[in-house]
Amino acid sequence: MRSIRVETSGATVLLTEAPEPKVRDRQTGEIAKDAQSGETLMRLGVVYIDGGESSLLQVTVPESGVTEGLALGSPVTLFGLIARPWENVFNGQQRHGIAFRADAIAPAAMPVGAGAGA
């Protein structure tokens, strides 16, 4: 399936859910691994704000791409963010969505003018 690069340079991205191992199978508790490297995948939540609109996103990042110093509510930078459409059939019902994946996540500087009293 095709991947679409997501431009983040003009957006504000805030961490809303701390990184935790992504569960592949909820029944067995199996942790998701990268198909190529075998590395553990982490799941985290962010709010993506751009052009006056915001979206809550769940993003998958390899464990080695999670940088120290991340704090809930703080701005972050997502490196190599892509969106990949998906669809499947679950319990006889067609489901679809967009999966987001990044190469890495790191703390970012506060946007210019943020927090300044006017």
N, C-alpha and C. Protein backbone atom coordinates (compact mmCIF):
# COMPACT_ATOMS: atom_id res chain seq x y z
N MET A 1 0.84 -1.17 0.00
CA MET A 1 0.00 0.00 0.00
C MET A 1 0.89 1.24 0.00
N ARG A 2 0.43 2.30 -0.59
CA ARG A 2 1.20 3.53 -0.74
C ARG A 2 1.33 4.29 0.59
N SER A 3 2.51 4.89 0.80
CA SER A 3 2.76 5.75 1.95
C SER A 3 2.79 7.19 1.49
N ILE A 4 2.28 8.10 2.34
CA ILE A 4 2.24 9.51 2.02
C ILE A 4 3.04 10.26 3.08
N ARG A 5 4.05 11.01 2.65
CA ARG A 5 4.88 11.78 3.58
C ARG A 5 4.05 12.93 4.14
N VAL A 6 4.12 13.14 5.45
CA VAL A 6 3.38 14.21 6.12
C VAL A 6 4.35 15.34 6.45
N GLU A 7 4.07 16.52 5.93
CA GLU A 7 4.90 17.70 6.18
C GLU A 7 4.57 18.24 7.57
N THR A 8 5.57 18.34 8.44
CA THR A 8 5.33 18.79 9.81
C THR A 8 6.01 20.12 10.13
N SER A 9 6.76 20.69 9.19
CA SER A 9 7.55 21.89 9.51
C SER A 9 6.70 23.09 9.89
N GLY A 10 5.49 23.22 9.39
CA GLY A 10 4.63 24.36 9.73
C GLY A 10 3.62 24.05 10.82
N ALA A 11 3.66 22.85 11.36
CA ALA A 11 2.67 22.42 12.35
C ALA A 11 3.25 22.45 13.75
N THR A 12 2.35 22.52 14.73
CA THR A 12 2.72 22.33 16.13
C THR A 12 2.25 20.94 16.51
N VAL A 13 3.15 20.16 17.09
CA VAL A 13 2.83 18.78 17.49
C VAL A 13 3.11 18.66 18.98
N LEU A 14 2.10 18.27 19.75
CA LEU A 14 2.22 18.14 21.21
C LEU A 14 2.00 16.69 21.62
N LEU A 15 2.82 16.20 22.54
CA LEU A 15 2.70 14.83 23.03
C LEU A 15 1.51 14.72 23.99
N THR A 16 0.58 13.81 23.71
CA THR A 16 -0.59 13.63 24.56
C THR A 16 -0.62 12.27 25.26
N GLU A 17 0.12 11.28 24.73
CA GLU A 17 0.21 9.96 25.35
C GLU A 17 1.65 9.50 25.29
N ALA A 18 2.21 9.14 26.43
CA ALA A 18 3.60 8.69 26.50
C ALA A 18 3.81 7.43 25.66
N PRO A 19 5.00 7.26 25.11
CA PRO A 19 5.30 6.06 24.33
C PRO A 19 5.19 4.80 25.20
N GLU A 20 4.57 3.78 24.62
CA GLU A 20 4.48 2.47 25.27
C GLU A 20 4.55 1.42 24.17
N PRO A 21 4.98 0.20 24.52
CA PRO A 21 5.06 -0.84 23.49
C PRO A 21 3.71 -1.05 22.80
N LYS A 22 3.77 -1.17 21.48
CA LYS A 22 2.56 -1.40 20.70
C LYS A 22 2.20 -2.89 20.79
N VAL A 23 0.95 -3.17 21.10
CA VAL A 23 0.48 -4.56 21.22
C VAL A 23 -0.03 -5.02 19.86
N ARG A 24 0.53 -6.13 19.39
CA ARG A 24 0.11 -6.68 18.10
C ARG A 24 -1.16 -7.52 18.24
N ASP A 25 -1.21 -8.31 19.31
CA ASP A 25 -2.35 -9.21 19.53
C ASP A 25 -2.84 -9.02 20.96
N ARG A 26 -4.01 -8.43 21.11
CA ARG A 26 -4.54 -8.14 22.44
C ARG A 26 -4.88 -9.42 23.22
N GLN A 27 -5.21 -10.48 22.51
CA GLN A 27 -5.57 -11.74 23.18
C GLN A 27 -4.35 -12.37 23.85
N THR A 28 -3.20 -12.34 23.17
CA THR A 28 -1.99 -12.99 23.71
C THR A 28 -1.04 -12.01 24.37
N GLY A 29 -1.23 -10.70 24.11
CA GLY A 29 -0.32 -9.69 24.66
C GLY A 29 0.96 -9.56 23.85
N GLU A 30 1.01 -10.19 22.68
CA GLU A 30 2.21 -10.13 21.84
C GLU A 30 2.51 -8.68 21.46
N ILE A 31 3.78 -8.29 21.61
CA ILE A 31 4.24 -6.94 21.29
C ILE A 31 4.61 -6.88 19.81
N ALA A 32 4.24 -5.78 19.15
CA ALA A 32 4.52 -5.60 17.72
C ALA A 32 6.00 -5.35 17.49
N LYS A 33 6.52 -5.94 16.44
CA LYS A 33 7.92 -5.78 16.04
C LYS A 33 7.97 -5.29 14.60
N ASP A 34 9.02 -4.53 14.27
CA ASP A 34 9.23 -4.09 12.89
C ASP A 34 9.51 -5.31 12.03
N ALA A 35 8.83 -5.40 10.89
CA ALA A 35 8.96 -6.57 10.01
C ALA A 35 10.37 -6.74 9.47
N GLN A 36 11.09 -5.65 9.25
CA GLN A 36 12.43 -5.74 8.67
C GLN A 36 13.52 -5.88 9.72
N SER A 37 13.47 -5.06 10.78
CA SER A 37 14.57 -5.05 11.76
C SER A 37 14.30 -5.93 12.98
N GLY A 38 13.03 -6.26 13.24
CA GLY A 38 12.69 -7.03 14.43
C GLY A 38 12.64 -6.18 15.69
N GLU A 39 12.83 -4.88 15.54
CA GLU A 39 12.84 -3.96 16.69
C GLU A 39 11.43 -3.76 17.24
N THR A 40 11.32 -3.60 18.56
CA THR A 40 10.04 -3.33 19.20
C THR A 40 9.47 -2.00 18.71
N LEU A 41 8.17 -1.98 18.44
CA LEU A 41 7.50 -0.76 18.01
C LEU A 41 6.79 -0.12 19.20
N MET A 42 6.85 1.19 19.27
CA MET A 42 6.22 1.96 20.33
C MET A 42 5.04 2.72 19.77
N ARG A 43 4.00 2.92 20.59
CA ARG A 43 2.81 3.66 20.20
C ARG A 43 2.73 4.88 21.11
N LEU A 44 2.38 6.03 20.52
CA LEU A 44 2.23 7.25 21.30
C LEU A 44 1.15 8.11 20.68
N GLY A 45 0.65 9.06 21.46
CA GLY A 45 -0.39 9.96 20.97
C GLY A 45 0.12 11.37 20.88
N VAL A 46 -0.31 12.07 19.83
CA VAL A 46 0.04 13.48 19.66
C VAL A 46 -1.20 14.24 19.18
N VAL A 47 -1.19 15.54 19.41
CA VAL A 47 -2.16 16.41 18.77
C VAL A 47 -1.35 17.18 17.72
N TYR A 48 -1.86 17.16 16.50
CA TYR A 48 -1.21 17.79 15.35
C TYR A 48 -2.02 19.02 15.01
N ILE A 49 -1.42 20.20 15.16
CA ILE A 49 -2.12 21.47 14.95
C ILE A 49 -1.50 22.17 13.75
N ASP A 50 -2.33 22.48 12.74
CA ASP A 50 -1.84 23.15 11.54
C ASP A 50 -2.99 23.91 10.91
N GLY A 51 -2.73 25.15 10.54
CA GLY A 51 -3.74 25.95 9.85
C GLY A 51 -5.00 26.16 10.66
N GLY A 52 -4.88 26.26 11.98
CA GLY A 52 -6.05 26.48 12.81
C GLY A 52 -6.89 25.25 13.08
N GLU A 53 -6.47 24.09 12.61
CA GLU A 53 -7.19 22.84 12.84
C GLU A 53 -6.30 21.87 13.59
N SER A 54 -6.92 21.01 14.38
CA SER A 54 -6.14 20.03 15.13
C SER A 54 -6.69 18.62 14.94
N SER A 55 -5.81 17.65 15.06
CA SER A 55 -6.19 16.24 14.96
C SER A 55 -5.42 15.46 16.00
N LEU A 56 -6.08 14.50 16.63
CA LEU A 56 -5.40 13.57 17.52
C LEU A 56 -4.91 12.39 16.69
N LEU A 57 -3.63 12.07 16.80
CA LEU A 57 -3.05 10.99 16.02
C LEU A 57 -2.38 9.98 16.93
N GLN A 58 -2.49 8.72 16.57
CA GLN A 58 -1.70 7.65 17.18
C GLN A 58 -0.55 7.39 16.22
N VAL A 59 0.68 7.43 16.71
CA VAL A 59 1.85 7.28 15.87
C VAL A 59 2.68 6.11 16.37
N THR A 60 3.21 5.32 15.43
CA THR A 60 4.10 4.22 15.75
C THR A 60 5.53 4.65 15.44
N VAL A 61 6.45 4.37 16.38
CA VAL A 61 7.86 4.74 16.24
C VAL A 61 8.68 3.55 16.72
N PRO A 62 9.80 3.22 16.04
CA PRO A 62 10.66 2.17 16.56
C PRO A 62 11.24 2.58 17.91
N GLU A 63 11.46 1.63 18.79
CA GLU A 63 11.94 1.93 20.13
C GLU A 63 13.21 2.78 20.12
N SER A 64 14.13 2.52 19.20
CA SER A 64 15.37 3.29 19.14
C SER A 64 15.14 4.73 18.70
N GLY A 65 13.97 5.05 18.15
CA GLY A 65 13.66 6.40 17.71
C GLY A 65 12.98 7.26 18.77
N VAL A 66 12.76 6.70 19.96
CA VAL A 66 12.14 7.45 21.05
C VAL A 66 13.25 8.11 21.87
N THR A 67 13.32 9.43 21.81
CA THR A 67 14.36 10.19 22.48
C THR A 67 14.00 10.46 23.93
N GLU A 68 14.99 10.52 24.80
CA GLU A 68 14.78 10.86 26.21
C GLU A 68 14.31 12.31 26.33
N GLY A 69 13.65 12.62 27.42
CA GLY A 69 13.25 13.99 27.70
C GLY A 69 11.87 14.36 27.20
N LEU A 70 11.09 13.39 26.72
CA LEU A 70 9.73 13.69 26.27
C LEU A 70 8.83 13.92 27.48
N ALA A 71 7.99 14.95 27.40
CA ALA A 71 7.07 15.26 28.51
C ALA A 71 5.68 15.48 27.95
N LEU A 72 4.68 14.93 28.62
CA LEU A 72 3.30 15.09 28.18
C LEU A 72 2.94 16.58 28.09
N GLY A 73 2.26 16.95 27.01
CA GLY A 73 1.84 18.33 26.80
C GLY A 73 2.90 19.20 26.16
N SER A 74 4.10 18.67 26.01
CA SER A 74 5.20 19.45 25.44
C SER A 74 5.28 19.26 23.93
N PRO A 75 5.84 20.27 23.24
CA PRO A 75 6.01 20.13 21.79
C PRO A 75 7.06 19.08 21.46
N VAL A 76 6.81 18.36 20.37
CA VAL A 76 7.73 17.33 19.90
C VAL A 76 7.93 17.49 18.40
N THR A 77 8.99 16.88 17.92
CA THR A 77 9.25 16.81 16.49
C THR A 77 9.16 15.34 16.08
N LEU A 78 8.40 15.07 15.02
CA LEU A 78 8.29 13.73 14.46
C LEU A 78 9.12 13.71 13.18
N PHE A 79 10.15 12.89 13.15
CA PHE A 79 11.03 12.79 11.99
C PHE A 79 10.54 11.69 11.07
N GLY A 80 10.44 12.00 9.77
CA GLY A 80 10.05 10.99 8.78
C GLY A 80 8.62 10.50 8.93
N LEU A 81 7.71 11.40 9.32
CA LEU A 81 6.31 10.99 9.53
C LEU A 81 5.66 10.65 8.19
N ILE A 82 5.01 9.49 8.14
CA ILE A 82 4.26 9.07 6.96
C ILE A 82 2.86 8.62 7.38
N ALA A 83 1.94 8.71 6.44
CA ALA A 83 0.58 8.21 6.63
C ALA A 83 0.37 7.08 5.64
N ARG A 84 -0.24 6.01 6.11
CA ARG A 84 -0.49 4.85 5.24
C ARG A 84 -1.94 4.41 5.41
N PRO A 85 -2.75 4.54 4.33
CA PRO A 85 -4.14 4.06 4.42
C PRO A 85 -4.17 2.54 4.59
N TRP A 86 -5.18 2.06 5.33
CA TRP A 86 -5.33 0.62 5.53
C TRP A 86 -6.81 0.26 5.52
N GLU A 87 -7.08 -1.00 5.28
CA GLU A 87 -8.44 -1.52 5.41
C GLU A 87 -8.36 -3.02 5.66
N ASN A 88 -9.36 -3.53 6.41
CA ASN A 88 -9.46 -4.96 6.66
C ASN A 88 -10.90 -5.31 7.02
N VAL A 89 -11.14 -6.58 7.17
CA VAL A 89 -12.46 -7.06 7.57
C VAL A 89 -12.29 -7.66 8.96
N PHE A 90 -13.11 -7.18 9.91
CA PHE A 90 -13.06 -7.67 11.28
C PHE A 90 -14.47 -8.02 11.71
N ASN A 91 -14.67 -9.27 12.11
CA ASN A 91 -16.01 -9.76 12.48
C ASN A 91 -17.03 -9.48 11.39
N GLY A 92 -16.63 -9.66 10.15
CA GLY A 92 -17.54 -9.49 9.02
C GLY A 92 -17.80 -8.05 8.62
N GLN A 93 -17.17 -7.10 9.28
CA GLN A 93 -17.36 -5.69 8.94
C GLN A 93 -16.10 -5.09 8.35
N GLN A 94 -16.29 -4.34 7.27
CA GLN A 94 -15.18 -3.65 6.61
C GLN A 94 -14.74 -2.48 7.49
N ARG A 95 -13.44 -2.39 7.77
CA ARG A 95 -12.90 -1.28 8.54
C ARG A 95 -11.78 -0.64 7.74
N HIS A 96 -11.57 0.66 7.95
CA HIS A 96 -10.50 1.34 7.25
C HIS A 96 -10.04 2.54 8.07
N GLY A 97 -8.85 3.03 7.76
CA GLY A 97 -8.31 4.17 8.48
C GLY A 97 -6.97 4.57 7.91
N ILE A 98 -6.26 5.36 8.69
CA ILE A 98 -4.92 5.81 8.31
C ILE A 98 -3.99 5.52 9.47
N ALA A 99 -2.89 4.83 9.19
CA ALA A 99 -1.88 4.54 10.20
C ALA A 99 -0.74 5.54 10.02
N PHE A 100 -0.24 6.07 11.13
CA PHE A 100 0.86 7.03 11.09
C PHE A 100 2.10 6.39 11.69
N ARG A 101 3.23 6.59 11.03
CA ARG A 101 4.50 6.04 11.50
C ARG A 101 5.59 7.08 11.31
N ALA A 102 6.49 7.17 12.28
CA ALA A 102 7.62 8.09 12.21
C ALA A 102 8.90 7.31 12.48
N ASP A 103 10.01 7.84 11.97
CA ASP A 103 11.31 7.24 12.22
C ASP A 103 11.77 7.51 13.65
N ALA A 104 11.41 8.72 14.15
CA ALA A 104 11.86 9.12 15.49
C ALA A 104 10.99 10.25 16.01
N ILE A 105 11.03 10.42 17.35
CA ILE A 105 10.35 11.52 18.02
C ILE A 105 11.32 12.11 19.04
N ALA A 106 11.34 13.44 19.12
CA ALA A 106 12.24 14.13 20.04
C ALA A 106 11.57 15.39 20.57
N PRO A 107 11.99 15.88 21.75
CA PRO A 107 11.45 17.15 22.24
C PRO A 107 11.75 18.25 21.22
N ALA A 108 10.83 19.22 21.11
CA ALA A 108 11.00 20.34 20.19
C ALA A 108 10.98 21.63 20.99
N ALA A 109 11.47 22.69 20.35
CA ALA A 109 11.42 24.01 20.97
C ALA A 109 9.98 24.50 20.96
N MET A 110 9.63 25.33 21.93
CA MET A 110 8.31 25.93 21.98
C MET A 110 8.13 26.83 20.76
N PRO A 111 6.95 26.82 20.10
CA PRO A 111 6.71 27.68 18.95
C PRO A 111 6.92 29.16 19.31
N VAL A 112 7.42 29.94 18.37
CA VAL A 112 7.65 31.35 18.59
C VAL A 112 6.36 32.03 19.02
N GLY A 113 6.42 32.82 20.08
CA GLY A 113 5.25 33.55 20.56
C GLY A 113 4.40 32.77 21.52
N ALA A 114 4.65 31.49 21.68
CA ALA A 114 3.85 30.68 22.62
C ALA A 114 4.19 31.08 24.04
N GLY A 115 3.18 31.25 24.83
CA GLY A 115 3.39 31.57 26.24
C GLY A 115 3.68 33.04 26.50
N ALA A 116 3.81 33.85 25.48
CA ALA A 116 4.09 35.26 25.66
C ALA A 116 2.79 36.00 25.95
N GLY A 117 2.78 36.80 26.97
CA GLY A 117 1.58 37.56 27.30
C GLY A 117 1.45 38.75 26.37
N ALA A 118 0.26 38.99 25.83
CA ALA A 118 0.08 40.10 24.91
C ALA A 118 -0.88 41.11 25.48
